[in-house]
Amino acid sequence: MTNVRILRDVPVDGVSYAPNDLVDVPADKAKQLVADGAADDSKDAVAYCKTAGAKLIKHKPKAEEQPKTEQPEPENVVGDTDDTGELAE
């Protein structure tokens, strides 16, 4: 894991980070963020965040939401009405 100072608003694995966030990310993510100009992993940049009072955030990818499965509505439930408006038994 690598500590980086976030330089601009950037999403990482579905998690949004803001400028001057101090984030602990996997080394490959840090390398990509730095290459994109979205983060700085230099000792000075990390020290600046710490001096400014930033708390270290351990990056955790946002879990993908599972699609909801639709449940069919039960037919002719006791106390329910049928298509004619009559009470179903």
Protein backbone atom coordinates (compact mmCIF):
# COMPACT_ATOMS: atom_id res chain seq x y z
CA MET A 1 0.00 0.00 0.00
CA THR A 2 1.12 3.54 -0.79
CA ASN A 3 0.10 6.83 0.81
CA VAL A 4 -0.88 9.54 -1.66
CA ARG A 5 -2.10 13.13 -1.46
CA ILE A 6 -5.13 13.58 -3.70
CA LEU A 7 -4.75 16.67 -5.92
CA ARG A 8 -8.22 16.92 -7.49
CA ASP A 9 -11.66 15.35 -7.18
CA VAL A 10 -11.23 11.78 -8.36
CA PRO A 11 -13.16 8.52 -8.10
CA VAL A 12 -11.18 5.37 -7.29
CA ASP A 13 -13.03 2.06 -7.52
CA GLY A 14 -16.35 3.83 -6.95
CA VAL A 15 -15.10 5.89 -3.98
CA SER A 16 -14.80 9.67 -4.40
CA TYR A 17 -11.81 11.52 -2.99
CA ALA A 18 -11.27 15.29 -2.73
CA PRO A 19 -8.17 17.47 -2.92
CA ASN A 20 -5.83 17.09 0.07
CA ASP A 21 -7.29 13.74 1.14
CA LEU A 22 -4.52 11.46 2.36
CA VAL A 23 -5.30 8.00 1.05
CA ASP A 24 -3.61 4.63 1.46
CA VAL A 25 -4.07 2.82 -1.88
CA PRO A 26 -2.53 -0.25 -3.51
CA ALA A 27 0.78 0.54 -5.24
CA ASP A 28 -0.66 -0.01 -8.74
CA LYS A 29 -3.52 2.43 -8.05
CA ALA A 30 -1.07 4.99 -6.64
CA LYS A 31 1.09 4.72 -9.76
CA GLN A 32 -1.94 5.27 -12.02
CA LEU A 33 -3.26 8.21 -9.94
CA VAL A 34 0.15 9.88 -10.05
CA ALA A 35 0.47 9.27 -13.81
CA ASP A 36 -2.99 10.84 -14.31
CA GLY A 37 -2.01 13.91 -12.26
CA ALA A 38 -4.70 13.14 -9.68
CA ALA A 39 -2.34 12.35 -6.80
CA ASP A 40 1.17 12.92 -5.47
CA ASP A 41 3.03 10.18 -3.64
CA SER A 42 6.14 12.20 -2.76
CA LYS A 43 7.25 12.36 0.86
CA ASP A 44 6.71 16.14 0.88
CA ALA A 45 3.13 15.85 -0.39
CA VAL A 46 2.23 13.19 2.17
CA ALA A 47 3.94 15.19 4.94
CA TYR A 48 1.97 18.30 3.92
CA CYS A 49 -1.32 16.46 4.37
CA LYS A 50 -0.26 15.13 7.75
CA THR A 51 0.86 18.59 8.89
CA ALA A 52 -2.46 20.05 7.69
CA GLY A 53 -4.27 17.54 9.92
CA ALA A 54 -5.52 15.14 7.25
CA LYS A 55 -6.49 11.72 8.57
CA LEU A 56 -5.20 8.73 6.65
CA ILE A 57 -8.01 7.05 4.73
CA LYS A 58 -7.54 3.36 3.96
CA HIS A 59 -8.97 2.83 0.49
CA LYS A 60 -11.70 0.21 0.27
CA PRO A 61 -13.34 -0.35 -3.11
CA LYS A 62 -17.08 0.21 -3.04
CA ALA A 63 -18.93 -3.09 -3.26
CA GLU A 64 -20.99 -3.45 -6.39
CA GLU A 65 -24.70 -3.46 -5.69
CA GLN A 66 -26.49 -6.65 -6.54
CA PRO A 67 -29.45 -6.14 -8.88
CA LYS A 68 -32.79 -6.59 -7.19
CA THR A 69 -34.76 -9.57 -8.39
CA GLU A 70 -38.42 -8.97 -8.93
CA GLN A 71 -40.74 -11.27 -7.05
CA PRO A 72 -43.96 -12.18 -8.86
CA GLU A 73 -47.04 -11.03 -7.03
CA PRO A 74 -49.07 -13.88 -5.55
CA GLU A 75 -52.36 -14.56 -7.29
CA ASN A 76 -55.73 -14.94 -5.57
CA VAL A 77 -54.59 -14.30 -2.02
CA VAL A 78 -57.40 -14.74 0.51
CA GLY A 79 -58.98 -11.37 1.12
CA ASP A 80 -57.77 -10.05 -2.25
CA THR A 81 -60.05 -9.23 -5.17
CA ASP A 82 -59.96 -10.89 -8.56
CA ASP A 83 -60.27 -9.14 -11.94
CA THR A 84 -64.06 -8.72 -11.53
CA GLY A 85 -63.70 -6.98 -8.17
CA GLU A 86 -65.13 -9.99 -6.35
CA LEU A 87 -63.39 -11.26 -3.24
CA ALA A 88 -61.10 -14.17 -4.11
CA GLU A 89 -61.28 -17.27 -1.94
